[in-house]
Amino acid sequence: MDHDIELRYQKLLKHLEKSFGEDLDVHALLFLIGVNELGIGHKKFSKQEKTDLIHVAICTLMIPAGYYEFKGRDEDNWPHFELVKNLPAINSKDQEHLIKEAMLDYFLEHGYYDELDDVVPN
């Protein structure tokens, strides 16, 4: 795993934990991204909806790499995607690395996080 990505990801977690006041992990961030992409705000989600939100997040994160394409929203405003090309067969560690790197890009691109704001002066 790329050490730089892991360090950057840990800084992102610390930044987000200031807002959410709890320990976050990859699944929690996927859930947050899914909720953000759904765009309806906070509500109590069923177990199936939580699974669907994580799927929405993964699809969203994999769009820039060309794996998914956004197709539109259904009558309940849920986003739908189409698989454009299969994800490579990689081990779980490499898969987690790919997701973490995509999460960093997502939070930076949407302006929810600025790595320069969290630089600690020497």
PDB file of N, CA and C in Angstrom:
ATOM      1  N   MET A   1       0.851  -1.186   0.000  1.00  0.00           N
ATOM      2  CA  MET A   1       0.000   0.000   0.000  1.00  0.00           C
ATOM      3  C   MET A   1       0.888   1.238   0.000  1.00  0.00           C
ATOM      4  N   ASP A   2       0.460   2.235  -0.718  1.00  0.00           N
ATOM      5  CA  ASP A   2       1.178   3.489  -0.806  1.00  0.00           C
ATOM      6  C   ASP A   2       1.097   4.205   0.544  1.00  0.00           C
ATOM      7  N   HIS A   3       2.246   4.391   1.157  1.00  0.00           N
ATOM      8  CA  HIS A   3       2.317   5.011   2.490  1.00  0.00           C
ATOM      9  C   HIS A   3       1.753   6.437   2.473  1.00  0.00           C
ATOM     10  N   ASP A   4       2.016   7.165   1.393  1.00  0.00           N
ATOM     11  CA  ASP A   4       1.524   8.541   1.269  1.00  0.00           C
ATOM     12  C   ASP A   4      -0.003   8.590   1.284  1.00  0.00           C
ATOM     13  N   ILE A   5      -0.632   7.681   0.574  1.00  0.00           N
ATOM     14  CA  ILE A   5      -2.104   7.651   0.544  1.00  0.00           C
ATOM     15  C   ILE A   5      -2.639   7.369   1.940  1.00  0.00           C
ATOM     16  N   GLU A   6      -2.025   6.424   2.635  1.00  0.00           N
ATOM     17  CA  GLU A   6      -2.497   6.080   3.988  1.00  0.00           C
ATOM     18  C   GLU A   6      -2.346   7.271   4.936  1.00  0.00           C
ATOM     19  N   LEU A   7      -1.248   7.983   4.871  1.00  0.00           N
ATOM     20  CA  LEU A   7      -1.065   9.175   5.718  1.00  0.00           C
ATOM     21  C   LEU A   7      -2.100  10.247   5.389  1.00  0.00           C
ATOM     22  N   ARG A   8      -2.320  10.478   4.111  1.00  0.00           N
ATOM     23  CA  ARG A   8      -3.317  11.470   3.692  1.00  0.00           C
ATOM     24  C   ARG A   8      -4.715  11.052   4.135  1.00  0.00           C
ATOM     25  N   TYR A   9      -5.009   9.768   4.027  1.00  0.00           N
ATOM     26  CA  TYR A   9      -6.314   9.250   4.439  1.00  0.00           C
ATOM     27  C   TYR A   9      -6.512   9.429   5.946  1.00  0.00           C
ATOM     28  N   GLN A  10      -5.487   9.158   6.736  1.00  0.00           N
ATOM     29  CA  GLN A  10      -5.583   9.326   8.190  1.00  0.00           C
ATOM     30  C   GLN A  10      -5.834  10.792   8.551  1.00  0.00           C
ATOM     31  N   LYS A  11      -5.202  11.719   7.824  1.00  0.00           N
ATOM     32  CA  LYS A  11      -5.460  13.151   8.051  1.00  0.00           C
ATOM     33  C   LYS A  11      -6.905  13.510   7.706  1.00  0.00           C
ATOM     34  N   LEU A  12      -7.417  12.933   6.622  1.00  0.00           N
ATOM     35  CA  LEU A  12      -8.818  13.150   6.250  1.00  0.00           C
ATOM     36  C   LEU A  12      -9.735  12.649   7.354  1.00  0.00           C
ATOM     37  N   LEU A  13      -9.472  11.457   7.881  1.00  0.00           N
ATOM     38  CA  LEU A  13     -10.295  10.912   8.965  1.00  0.00           C
ATOM     39  C   LEU A  13     -10.299  11.834  10.175  1.00  0.00           C
ATOM     40  N   LYS A  14      -9.127  12.305  10.577  1.00  0.00           N
ATOM     41  CA  LYS A  14      -9.032  13.204  11.734  1.00  0.00           C
ATOM     42  C   LYS A  14      -9.834  14.477  11.491  1.00  0.00           C
ATOM     43  N   HIS A  15      -9.750  14.994  10.277  1.00  0.00           N
ATOM     44  CA  HIS A  15     -10.498  16.199   9.921  1.00  0.00           C
ATOM     45  C   HIS A  15     -12.010  15.954  10.038  1.00  0.00           C
ATOM     46  N   LEU A  16     -12.473  14.836   9.490  1.00  0.00           N
ATOM     47  CA  LEU A  16     -13.908  14.526   9.508  1.00  0.00           C
ATOM     48  C   LEU A  16     -14.388  14.179  10.913  1.00  0.00           C
ATOM     49  N   GLU A  17     -13.540  13.570  11.707  1.00  0.00           N
ATOM     50  CA  GLU A  17     -13.923  13.211  13.075  1.00  0.00           C
ATOM     51  C   GLU A  17     -14.169  14.455  13.927  1.00  0.00           C
ATOM     52  N   LYS A  18     -13.553  15.585  13.566  1.00  0.00           N
ATOM     53  CA  LYS A  18     -13.832  16.843  14.262  1.00  0.00           C
ATOM     54  C   LYS A  18     -15.295  17.239  14.085  1.00  0.00           C
ATOM     55  N   SER A  19     -15.833  16.995  12.901  1.00  0.00           N
ATOM     56  CA  SER A  19     -17.223  17.347  12.608  1.00  0.00           C
ATOM     57  C   SER A  19     -18.215  16.324  13.134  1.00  0.00           C
ATOM     58  N   PHE A  20     -17.836  15.053  13.046  1.00  0.00           N
ATOM     59  CA  PHE A  20     -18.780  13.994  13.388  1.00  0.00           C
ATOM     60  C   PHE A  20     -18.585  13.455  14.802  1.00  0.00           C
ATOM     61  N   GLY A  21     -17.463  13.797  15.430  1.00  0.00           N
ATOM     62  CA  GLY A  21     -17.248  13.449  16.832  1.00  0.00           C
ATOM     63  C   GLY A  21     -17.190  11.970  17.130  1.00  0.00           C
ATOM     64  N   GLU A  22     -16.778  11.178  16.183  1.00  0.00           N
ATOM     65  CA  GLU A  22     -16.679   9.740  16.434  1.00  0.00           C
ATOM     66  C   GLU A  22     -15.597   9.158  15.544  1.00  0.00           C
ATOM     67  N   ASP A  23     -15.192   7.943  15.881  1.00  0.00           N
ATOM     68  CA  ASP A  23     -14.209   7.252  15.058  1.00  0.00           C
ATOM     69  C   ASP A  23     -14.863   6.828  13.757  1.00  0.00           C
ATOM     70  N   LEU A  24     -14.212   7.128  12.665  1.00  0.00           N
ATOM     71  CA  LEU A  24     -14.735   6.779  11.347  1.00  0.00           C
ATOM     72  C   LEU A  24     -13.816   5.747  10.699  1.00  0.00           C
ATOM     73  N   ASP A  25     -14.408   4.909   9.879  1.00  0.00           N
ATOM     74  CA  ASP A  25     -13.626   3.950   9.116  1.00  0.00           C
ATOM     75  C   ASP A  25     -14.081   4.019   7.662  1.00  0.00           C
ATOM     76  N   VAL A  26     -13.552   3.134   6.834  1.00  0.00           N
ATOM     77  CA  VAL A  26     -13.875   3.138   5.409  1.00  0.00           C
ATOM     78  C   VAL A  26     -15.377   3.009   5.184  1.00  0.00           C
ATOM     79  N   HIS A  27     -16.026   2.090   5.911  1.00  0.00           N
ATOM     80  CA  HIS A  27     -17.466   1.896   5.721  1.00  0.00           C
ATOM     81  C   HIS A  27     -18.268   3.134   6.124  1.00  0.00           C
ATOM     82  N   ALA A  28     -17.847   3.794   7.204  1.00  0.00           N
ATOM     83  CA  ALA A  28     -18.545   5.012   7.641  1.00  0.00           C
ATOM     84  C   ALA A  28     -18.407   6.108   6.579  1.00  0.00           C
ATOM     85  N   LEU A  29     -17.218   6.233   5.999  1.00  0.00           N
ATOM     86  CA  LEU A  29     -17.034   7.244   4.958  1.00  0.00           C
ATOM     87  C   LEU A  29     -17.832   6.903   3.710  1.00  0.00           C
ATOM     88  N   LEU A  30     -17.887   5.621   3.356  1.00  0.00           N
ATOM     89  CA  LEU A  30     -18.707   5.222   2.210  1.00  0.00           C
ATOM     90  C   LEU A  30     -20.169   5.577   2.460  1.00  0.00           C
ATOM     91  N   PHE A  31     -20.632   5.332   3.677  1.00  0.00           N
ATOM     92  CA  PHE A  31     -22.009   5.676   4.033  1.00  0.00           C
ATOM     93  C   PHE A  31     -22.233   7.184   3.896  1.00  0.00           C
ATOM     94  N   LEU A  32     -21.311   7.995   4.422  1.00  0.00           N
ATOM     95  CA  LEU A  32     -21.433   9.454   4.336  1.00  0.00           C
ATOM     96  C   LEU A  32     -21.467   9.935   2.887  1.00  0.00           C
ATOM     97  N   ILE A  33     -20.615   9.350   2.059  1.00  0.00           N
ATOM     98  CA  ILE A  33     -20.586   9.729   0.644  1.00  0.00           C
ATOM     99  C   ILE A  33     -21.912   9.346  -0.012  1.00  0.00           C
ATOM    100  N   GLY A  34     -22.412   8.164   0.302  1.00  0.00           N
ATOM    101  CA  GLY A  34     -23.690   7.727  -0.249  1.00  0.00           C
ATOM    102  C   GLY A  34     -24.826   8.653   0.136  1.00  0.00           C
ATOM    103  N   VAL A  35     -24.868   9.034   1.413  1.00  0.00           N
ATOM    104  CA  VAL A  35     -25.906   9.964   1.883  1.00  0.00           C
ATOM    105  C   VAL A  35     -25.770  11.303   1.153  1.00  0.00           C
ATOM    106  N   ASN A  36     -24.548  11.763   1.007  1.00  0.00           N
ATOM    107  CA  ASN A  36     -24.312  13.020   0.303  1.00  0.00           C
ATOM    108  C   ASN A  36     -24.789  12.938  -1.143  1.00  0.00           C
ATOM    109  N   GLU A  37     -24.499  11.843  -1.799  1.00  0.00           N
ATOM    110  CA  GLU A  37     -24.898  11.676  -3.195  1.00  0.00           C
ATOM    111  C   GLU A  37     -26.407  11.515  -3.340  1.00  0.00           C
ATOM    112  N   LEU A  38     -27.046  10.892  -2.365  1.00  0.00           N
ATOM    113  CA  LEU A  38     -28.505  10.763  -2.397  1.00  0.00           C
ATOM    114  C   LEU A  38     -29.145  12.146  -2.294  1.00  0.00           C
ATOM    115  N   GLY A  39     -28.552  12.990  -1.436  1.00  0.00           N
ATOM    116  CA  GLY A  39     -28.960  14.386  -1.387  1.00  0.00           C
ATOM    117  C   GLY A  39     -30.236  14.696  -0.632  1.00  0.00           C
ATOM    118  N   ILE A  40     -30.708  13.806   0.225  1.00  0.00           N
ATOM    119  CA  ILE A  40     -31.943  14.086   0.971  1.00  0.00           C
ATOM    120  C   ILE A  40     -31.685  14.442   2.428  1.00  0.00           C
ATOM    121  N   GLY A  41     -30.425  14.456   2.814  1.00  0.00           N
ATOM    122  CA  GLY A  41     -30.085  14.800   4.188  1.00  0.00           C
ATOM    123  C   GLY A  41     -30.198  13.619   5.130  1.00  0.00           C
ATOM    124  N   HIS A  42     -30.137  13.932   6.404  1.00  0.00           N
ATOM    125  CA  HIS A  42     -30.134  12.906   7.432  1.00  0.00           C
ATOM    126  C   HIS A  42     -31.531  12.346   7.655  1.00  0.00           C
ATOM    127  N   LYS A  43     -31.606  11.042   7.739  1.00  0.00           N
ATOM    128  CA  LYS A  43     -32.839  10.360   8.106  1.00  0.00           C
ATOM    129  C   LYS A  43     -32.449   8.974   8.604  1.00  0.00           C
ATOM    130  N   LYS A  44     -33.382   8.267   9.154  1.00  0.00           N
ATOM    131  CA  LYS A  44     -33.122   6.898   9.586  1.00  0.00           C
ATOM    132  C   LYS A  44     -33.243   5.990   8.371  1.00  0.00           C
ATOM    133  N   PHE A  45     -32.160   5.304   8.036  1.00  0.00           N
ATOM    134  CA  PHE A  45     -32.141   4.429   6.877  1.00  0.00           C
ATOM    135  C   PHE A  45     -32.290   2.979   7.316  1.00  0.00           C
ATOM    136  N   SER A  46     -32.986   2.211   6.507  1.00  0.00           N
ATOM    137  CA  SER A  46     -33.108   0.777   6.772  1.00  0.00           C
ATOM    138  C   SER A  46     -31.760   0.109   6.469  1.00  0.00           C
ATOM    139  N   LYS A  47     -31.633  -1.130   6.886  1.00  0.00           N
ATOM    140  CA  LYS A  47     -30.400  -1.872   6.621  1.00  0.00           C
ATOM    141  C   LYS A  47     -30.147  -1.966   5.113  1.00  0.00           C
ATOM    142  N   GLN A  48     -31.201  -2.236   4.339  1.00  0.00           N
ATOM    143  CA  GLN A  48     -31.063  -2.330   2.881  1.00  0.00           C
ATOM    144  C   GLN A  48     -30.663  -0.981   2.284  1.00  0.00           C
ATOM    145  N   GLU A  49     -31.257   0.100   2.788  1.00  0.00           N
ATOM    146  CA  GLU A  49     -30.896   1.428   2.289  1.00  0.00           C
ATOM    147  C   GLU A  49     -29.441   1.749   2.595  1.00  0.00           C
ATOM    148  N   LYS A  50     -28.955   1.341   3.766  1.00  0.00           N
ATOM    149  CA  LYS A  50     -27.543   1.566   4.105  1.00  0.00           C
ATOM    150  C   LYS A  50     -26.632   0.829   3.131  1.00  0.00           C
ATOM    151  N   THR A  51     -27.005  -0.409   2.808  1.00  0.00           N
ATOM    152  CA  THR A  51     -26.232  -1.182   1.821  1.00  0.00           C
ATOM    153  C   THR A  51     -26.273  -0.481   0.470  1.00  0.00           C
ATOM    154  N   ASP A  52     -27.449  -0.001   0.082  1.00  0.00           N
ATOM    155  CA  ASP A  52     -27.591   0.714  -1.193  1.00  0.00           C
ATOM    156  C   ASP A  52     -26.775   2.002  -1.204  1.00  0.00           C
ATOM    157  N   LEU A  53     -26.709   2.701  -0.074  1.00  0.00           N
ATOM    158  CA  LEU A  53     -25.926   3.941   0.012  1.00  0.00           C
ATOM    159  C   LEU A  53     -24.433   3.667  -0.167  1.00  0.00           C
ATOM    160  N   ILE A  54     -23.971   2.571   0.390  1.00  0.00           N
ATOM    161  CA  ILE A  54     -22.564   2.207   0.219  1.00  0.00           C
ATOM    162  C   ILE A  54     -22.296   1.875  -1.249  1.00  0.00           C
ATOM    163  N   HIS A  55     -23.246   1.200  -1.896  1.00  0.00           N
ATOM    164  CA  HIS A  55     -23.114   0.907  -3.332  1.00  0.00           C
ATOM    165  C   HIS A  55     -23.068   2.205  -4.139  1.00  0.00           C
ATOM    166  N   VAL A  56     -23.935   3.160  -3.807  1.00  0.00           N
ATOM    167  CA  VAL A  56     -23.942   4.462  -4.477  1.00  0.00           C
ATOM    168  C   VAL A  56     -22.569   5.129  -4.324  1.00  0.00           C
ATOM    169  N   ALA A  57     -22.013   5.067  -3.124  1.00  0.00           N
ATOM    170  CA  ALA A  57     -20.709   5.684  -2.877  1.00  0.00           C
ATOM    171  C   ALA A  57     -19.619   5.029  -3.718  1.00  0.00           C
ATOM    172  N   ILE A  58     -19.597   3.715  -3.744  1.00  0.00           N
ATOM    173  CA  ILE A  58     -18.558   3.017  -4.505  1.00  0.00           C
ATOM    174  C   ILE A  58     -18.676   3.345  -5.990  1.00  0.00           C
ATOM    175  N   CYS A  59     -19.880   3.315  -6.506  1.00  0.00           N
ATOM    176  CA  CYS A  59     -20.077   3.666  -7.913  1.00  0.00           C
ATOM    177  C   CYS A  59     -19.608   5.093  -8.188  1.00  0.00           C
ATOM    178  N   THR A  60     -19.998   6.008  -7.312  1.00  0.00           N
ATOM    179  CA  THR A  60     -19.605   7.419  -7.461  1.00  0.00           C
ATOM    180  C   THR A  60     -18.087   7.558  -7.449  1.00  0.00           C
ATOM    181  N   LEU A  61     -17.437   6.874  -6.512  1.00  0.00           N
ATOM    182  CA  LEU A  61     -15.988   6.965  -6.388  1.00  0.00           C
ATOM    183  C   LEU A  61     -15.260   6.371  -7.591  1.00  0.00           C
ATOM    184  N   MET A  62     -15.883   5.412  -8.259  1.00  0.00           N
ATOM    185  CA  MET A  62     -15.230   4.730  -9.374  1.00  0.00           C
ATOM    186  C   MET A  62     -15.545   5.353 -10.734  1.00  0.00           C
ATOM    187  N   ILE A  63     -16.398   6.381 -10.756  1.00  0.00           N
ATOM    188  CA  ILE A  63     -16.694   7.072 -12.020  1.00  0.00           C
ATOM    189  C   ILE A  63     -15.431   7.706 -12.619  1.00  0.00           C
ATOM    190  N   PRO A  64     -14.642   8.473 -11.847  1.00  0.00           N
ATOM    191  CA  PRO A  64     -13.469   9.108 -12.457  1.00  0.00           C
ATOM    192  C   PRO A  64     -12.466   8.112 -13.054  1.00  0.00           C
ATOM    193  N   ALA A  65     -12.419   6.910 -12.521  1.00  0.00           N
ATOM    194  CA  ALA A  65     -11.497   5.894 -13.035  1.00  0.00           C
ATOM    195  C   ALA A  65     -12.093   5.153 -14.233  1.00  0.00           C
ATOM    196  N   GLY A  66     -13.329   5.496 -14.595  1.00  0.00           N
ATOM    197  CA  GLY A  66     -13.938   4.929 -15.780  1.00  0.00           C
ATOM    198  C   GLY A  66     -14.625   3.588 -15.588  1.00  0.00           C
ATOM    199  N   TYR A  67     -14.871   3.197 -14.337  1.00  0.00           N
ATOM    200  CA  TYR A  67     -15.509   1.900 -14.087  1.00  0.00           C
ATOM    201  C   TYR A  67     -17.034   1.974 -14.122  1.00  0.00           C
ATOM    202  N   TYR A  68     -17.579   3.119 -13.718  1.00  0.00           N
ATOM    203  CA  TYR A  68     -19.030   3.303 -13.700  1.00  0.00           C
ATOM    204  C   TYR A  68     -19.395   4.585 -14.413  1.00  0.00           C
ATOM    205  N   GLU A  69     -20.641   4.643 -14.842  1.00  0.00           N
ATOM    206  CA  GLU A  69     -21.200   5.837 -15.462  1.00  0.00           C
ATOM    207  C   GLU A  69     -22.538   6.124 -14.781  1.00  0.00           C
ATOM    208  N   PHE A  70     -22.751   7.388 -14.445  1.00  0.00           N
ATOM    209  CA  PHE A  70     -24.022   7.801 -13.848  1.00  0.00           C
ATOM    210  C   PHE A  70     -25.098   7.749 -14.923  1.00  0.00           C
ATOM    211  N   LYS A  71     -26.231   7.078 -14.619  1.00  0.00           N
ATOM    212  CA  LYS A  71     -27.310   6.923 -15.599  1.00  0.00           C
ATOM    213  C   LYS A  71     -28.514   7.810 -15.310  1.00  0.00           C
ATOM    214  N   GLY A  72     -28.682   8.243 -14.062  1.00  0.00           N
ATOM    215  CA  GLY A  72     -29.821   9.083 -13.717  1.00  0.00           C
ATOM    216  C   GLY A  72     -30.389   8.695 -12.371  1.00  0.00           C
ATOM    217  N   ARG A  73     -31.520   9.291 -12.068  1.00  0.00           N
ATOM    218  CA  ARG A  73     -32.172   9.047 -10.776  1.00  0.00           C
ATOM    219  C   ARG A  73     -33.545   8.431 -11.002  1.00  0.00           C
ATOM    220  N   ASP A  74     -33.957   7.603 -10.038  1.00  0.00           N
ATOM    221  CA  ASP A  74     -35.285   6.994 -10.147  1.00  0.00           C
ATOM    222  C   ASP A  74     -36.329   7.906  -9.519  1.00  0.00           C
ATOM    223  N   GLU A  75     -37.574   7.421  -9.442  1.00  0.00           N
ATOM    224  CA  GLU A  75     -38.676   8.239  -8.924  1.00  0.00           C
ATOM    225  C   GLU A  75     -38.497   8.615  -7.457  1.00  0.00           C
ATOM    226  N   ASP A  76     -37.665   7.879  -6.725  1.00  0.00           N
ATOM    227  CA  ASP A  76     -37.372   8.214  -5.323  1.00  0.00           C
ATOM    228  C   ASP A  76     -36.087   9.030  -5.189  1.00  0.00           C
ATOM    229  N   ASN A  77     -35.539   9.462  -6.311  1.00  0.00           N
ATOM    230  CA  ASN A  77     -34.343  10.288  -6.391  1.00  0.00           C
ATOM    231  C   ASN A  77     -33.050   9.530  -6.080  1.00  0.00           C
ATOM    232  N   TRP A  78     -33.091   8.204  -6.101  1.00  0.00           N
ATOM    233  CA  TRP A  78     -31.876   7.421  -5.889  1.00  0.00           C
ATOM    234  C   TRP A  78     -31.063   7.404  -7.180  1.00  0.00           C
ATOM    235  N   PRO A  79     -29.750   7.664  -7.069  1.00  0.00           N
ATOM    236  CA  PRO A  79     -28.899   7.618  -8.266  1.00  0.00           C
ATOM    237  C   PRO A  79     -28.684   6.180  -8.738  1.00  0.00           C
ATOM    238  N   HIS A  80     -28.569   6.030 -10.052  1.00  0.00           N
ATOM    239  CA  HIS A  80     -28.306   4.721 -10.646  1.00  0.00           C
ATOM    240  C   HIS A  80     -27.113   4.820 -11.580  1.00  0.00           C
ATOM    241  N   PHE A  81     -26.378   3.723 -11.660  1.00  0.00           N
ATOM    242  CA  PHE A  81     -25.121   3.689 -12.393  1.00  0.00           C
ATOM    243  C   PHE A  81     -25.086   2.467 -13.295  1.00  0.00           C
ATOM    244  N   GLU A  82     -24.213   2.546 -14.290  1.00  0.00           N
ATOM    245  CA  GLU A  82     -23.986   1.403 -15.160  1.00  0.00           C
ATOM    246  C   GLU A  82     -22.506   1.055 -15.104  1.00  0.00           C
ATOM    247  N   LEU A  83     -22.222  -0.223 -14.978  1.00  0.00           N
ATOM    248  CA  LEU A  83     -20.842  -0.689 -15.003  1.00  0.00           C
ATOM    249  C   LEU A  83     -20.326  -0.549 -16.429  1.00  0.00           C
ATOM    250  N   VAL A  84     -19.229   0.206 -16.592  1.00  0.00           N
ATOM    251  CA  VAL A  84     -18.653   0.444 -17.912  1.00  0.00           C
ATOM    252  C   VAL A  84     -17.566  -0.587 -18.207  1.00  0.00           C
ATOM    253  N   LYS A  85     -16.748  -0.855 -17.203  1.00  0.00           N
ATOM    254  CA  LYS A  85     -15.726  -1.890 -17.338  1.00  0.00           C
ATOM    255  C   LYS A  85     -15.543  -2.531 -15.974  1.00  0.00           C
ATOM    256  N   ASN A  86     -15.194  -3.797 -15.988  1.00  0.00           N
ATOM    257  CA  ASN A  86     -15.032  -4.540 -14.743  1.00  0.00           C
ATOM    258  C   ASN A  86     -13.832  -4.041 -13.959  1.00  0.00           C
ATOM    259  N   LEU A  87     -14.007  -4.017 -12.666  1.00  0.00           N
ATOM    260  CA  LEU A  87     -12.882  -3.681 -11.789  1.00  0.00           C
ATOM    261  C   LEU A  87     -11.853  -4.797 -11.898  1.00  0.00           C
ATOM    262  N   PRO A  88     -10.585  -4.466 -11.775  1.00  0.00           N
ATOM    263  CA  PRO A  88      -9.565  -5.509 -11.876  1.00  0.00           C
ATOM    264  C   PRO A  88      -9.661  -6.477 -10.692  1.00  0.00           C
ATOM    265  N   ALA A  89      -9.239  -7.682 -10.916  1.00  0.00           N
ATOM    266  CA  ALA A  89      -9.192  -8.673  -9.833  1.00  0.00           C
ATOM    267  C   ALA A  89      -7.990  -8.332  -8.951  1.00  0.00           C
ATOM    268  N   ILE A  90      -8.286  -7.697  -7.802  1.00  0.00           N
ATOM    269  CA  ILE A  90      -7.219  -7.305  -6.883  1.00  0.00           C
ATOM    270  C   ILE A  90      -7.562  -7.813  -5.492  1.00  0.00           C
ATOM    271  N   ASN A  91      -6.534  -7.935  -4.662  1.00  0.00           N
ATOM    272  CA  ASN A  91      -6.777  -8.421  -3.299  1.00  0.00           C
ATOM    273  C   ASN A  91      -7.437  -7.321  -2.464  1.00  0.00           C
ATOM    274  N   SER A  92      -7.934  -7.712  -1.307  1.00  0.00           N
ATOM    275  CA  SER A  92      -8.705  -6.776  -0.480  1.00  0.00           C
ATOM    276  C   SER A  92      -7.871  -5.583  -0.028  1.00  0.00           C
ATOM    277  N   LYS A  93      -6.585  -5.781   0.195  1.00  0.00           N
ATOM    278  CA  LYS A  93      -5.720  -4.670   0.617  1.00  0.00           C
ATOM    279  C   LYS A  93      -5.589  -3.633  -0.506  1.00  0.00           C
ATOM    280  N   ASP A  94      -5.387  -4.110  -1.730  1.00  0.00           N
ATOM    281  CA  ASP A  94      -5.291  -3.196  -2.867  1.00  0.00           C
ATOM    282  C   ASP A  94      -6.642  -2.523  -3.148  1.00  0.00           C
ATOM    283  N   GLN A  95      -7.725  -3.272  -2.924  1.00  0.00           N
ATOM    284  CA  GLN A  95      -9.067  -2.722  -3.101  1.00  0.00           C
ATOM    285  C   GLN A  95      -9.300  -1.581  -2.111  1.00  0.00           C
ATOM    286  N   GLU A  96      -8.907  -1.784  -0.861  1.00  0.00           N
ATOM    287  CA  GLU A  96      -9.058  -0.743   0.156  1.00  0.00           C
ATOM    288  C   GLU A  96      -8.216   0.479  -0.202  1.00  0.00           C
ATOM    289  N   HIS A  97      -7.021   0.254  -0.717  1.00  0.00           N
ATOM    290  CA  HIS A  97      -6.147   1.353  -1.138  1.00  0.00           C
ATOM    291  C   HIS A  97      -6.815   2.160  -2.257  1.00  0.00           C
ATOM    292  N   LEU A  98      -7.388   1.468  -3.237  1.00  0.00           N
ATOM    293  CA  LEU A  98      -8.082   2.124  -4.343  1.00  0.00           C
ATOM    294  C   LEU A  98      -9.236   2.977  -3.832  1.00  0.00           C
ATOM    295  N   ILE A  99     -10.008   2.437  -2.892  1.00  0.00           N
ATOM    296  CA  ILE A  99     -11.146   3.161  -2.320  1.00  0.00           C
ATOM    297  C   ILE A  99     -10.661   4.381  -1.531  1.00  0.00           C
ATOM    298  N   LYS A 100      -9.635   4.211  -0.715  1.00  0.00           N
ATOM    299  CA  LYS A 100      -9.120   5.332   0.081  1.00  0.00           C
ATOM    300  C   LYS A 100      -8.628   6.464  -0.813  1.00  0.00           C
ATOM    301  N   GLU A 101      -7.915   6.113  -1.871  1.00  0.00           N
ATOM    302  CA  GLU A 101      -7.420   7.136  -2.792  1.00  0.00           C
ATOM    303  C   GLU A 101      -8.591   7.855  -3.469  1.00  0.00           C
ATOM    304  N   ALA A 102      -9.611   7.106  -3.855  1.00  0.00           N
ATOM    305  CA  ALA A 102     -10.793   7.709  -4.475  1.00  0.00           C
ATOM    306  C   ALA A 102     -11.545   8.597  -3.483  1.00  0.00           C
ATOM    307  N   MET A 103     -11.589   8.196  -2.209  1.00  0.00           N
ATOM    308  CA  MET A 103     -12.237   9.024  -1.180  1.00  0.00           C
ATOM    309  C   MET A 103     -11.506  10.348  -1.015  1.00  0.00           C
ATOM    310  N   LEU A 104     -10.190  10.300  -0.974  1.00  0.00           N
ATOM    311  CA  LEU A 104      -9.411  11.531  -0.872  1.00  0.00           C
ATOM    312  C   LEU A 104      -9.763  12.462  -2.032  1.00  0.00           C
ATOM    313  N   ASP A 105      -9.763  11.915  -3.235  1.00  0.00           N
ATOM    314  CA  ASP A 105     -10.091  12.722  -4.409  1.00  0.00           C
ATOM    315  C   ASP A 105     -11.501  13.305  -4.298  1.00  0.00           C
ATOM    316  N   TYR A 106     -12.449  12.490  -3.820  1.00  0.00           N
ATOM    317  CA  TYR A 106     -13.842  12.929  -3.695  1.00  0.00           C
ATOM    318  C   TYR A 106     -13.952  14.119  -2.737  1.00  0.00           C
ATOM    319  N   PHE A 107     -13.386  13.984  -1.547  1.00  0.00           N
ATOM    320  CA  PHE A 107     -13.514  15.051  -0.548  1.00  0.00           C
ATOM    321  C   PHE A 107     -12.769  16.311  -0.975  1.00  0.00           C
ATOM    322  N   LEU A 108     -11.636  16.161  -1.639  1.00  0.00           N
ATOM    323  CA  LEU A 108     -10.898  17.316  -2.135  1.00  0.00           C
ATOM    324  C   LEU A 108     -11.648  17.990  -3.288  1.00  0.00           C
ATOM    325  N   GLU A 109     -12.100  17.179  -4.242  1.00  0.00           N
ATOM    326  CA  GLU A 109     -12.776  17.704  -5.424  1.00  0.00           C
ATOM    327  C   GLU A 109     -14.063  18.458  -5.082  1.00  0.00           C
ATOM    328  N   HIS A 110     -14.778  17.978  -4.076  1.00  0.00           N
ATOM    329  CA  HIS A 110     -16.029  18.621  -3.685  1.00  0.00           C
ATOM    330  C   HIS A 110     -15.832  19.764  -2.681  1.00  0.00           C
ATOM    331  N   GLY A 111     -14.594  20.018  -2.299  1.00  0.00           N
ATOM    332  CA  GLY A 111     -14.302  21.126  -1.392  1.00  0.00           C
ATOM    333  C   GLY A 111     -14.683  20.865   0.053  1.00  0.00           C
ATOM    334  N   TYR A 112     -14.862  19.590   0.430  1.00  0.00           N
ATOM    335  CA  TYR A 112     -15.211  19.249   1.812  1.00  0.00           C
ATOM    336  C   TYR A 112     -13.978  19.136   2.689  1.00  0.00           C
ATOM    337  N   TYR A 113     -12.831  19.162   2.051  1.00  0.00           N
ATOM    338  CA  TYR A 113     -11.572  18.975   2.768  1.00  0.00           C
ATOM    339  C   TYR A 113     -10.477  19.616   1.949  1.00  0.00           C
ATOM    340  N   ASP A 114      -9.556  20.266   2.645  1.00  0.00           N
ATOM    341  CA  ASP A 114      -8.390  20.854   1.991  1.00  0.00           C
ATOM    342  C   ASP A 114      -7.169  20.375   2.744  1.00  0.00           C
ATOM    343  N   GLU A 115      -6.345  19.597   2.064  1.00  0.00           N
ATOM    344  CA  GLU A 115      -5.158  19.042   2.726  1.00  0.00           C
ATOM    345  C   GLU A 115      -4.238  20.125   3.257  1.00  0.00           C
ATOM    346  N   LEU A 116      -4.223  21.260   2.616  1.00  0.00           N
ATOM    347  CA  LEU A 116      -3.342  22.347   3.057  1.00  0.00           C
ATOM    348  C   LEU A 116      -3.805  22.956   4.379  1.00  0.00           C
ATOM    349  N   ASP A 117      -5.103  22.902   4.663  1.00  0.00           N
ATOM    350  CA  ASP A 117      -5.627  23.432   5.927  1.00  0.00           C
ATOM    351  C   ASP A 117      -5.189  22.589   7.125  1.00  0.00           C
ATOM    352  N   ASP A 118      -4.894  21.312   6.889  1.00  0.00           N
ATOM    353  CA  ASP A 118      -4.539  20.414   7.974  1.00  0.00           C
ATOM    354  C   ASP A 118      -3.042  20.167   8.100  1.00  0.00           C
ATOM    355  N   VAL A 119      -2.244  21.012   7.419  1.00  0.00           N
ATOM    356  CA  VAL A 119      -0.795  20.874   7.531  1.00  0.00           C
ATOM    357  C   VAL A 119      -0.366  21.430   8.885  1.00  0.00           C
ATOM    358  N   VAL A 120       0.395  20.645   9.606  1.00  0.00           N
ATOM    359  CA  VAL A 120       0.896  21.071  10.907  1.00  0.00           C
ATOM    360  C   VAL A 120       2.248  21.738  10.695  1.00  0.00           C
ATOM    361  N   PRO A 121       2.389  23.012  11.154  1.00  0.00           N
ATOM    362  CA  PRO A 121       3.663  23.695  10.961  1.00  0.00           C
ATOM    363  C   PRO A 121       4.762  23.033  11.773  1.00  0.00           C
ATOM    364  N   ASN A 122       5.995  23.077  11.251  1.00  0.00           N
ATOM    365  CA  ASN A 122       7.156  22.479  11.970  1.00  0.00           C
ATOM    366  C   ASN A 122       7.598  23.345  13.113  1.00  0.00           C
TER     367      ASN A 122
END
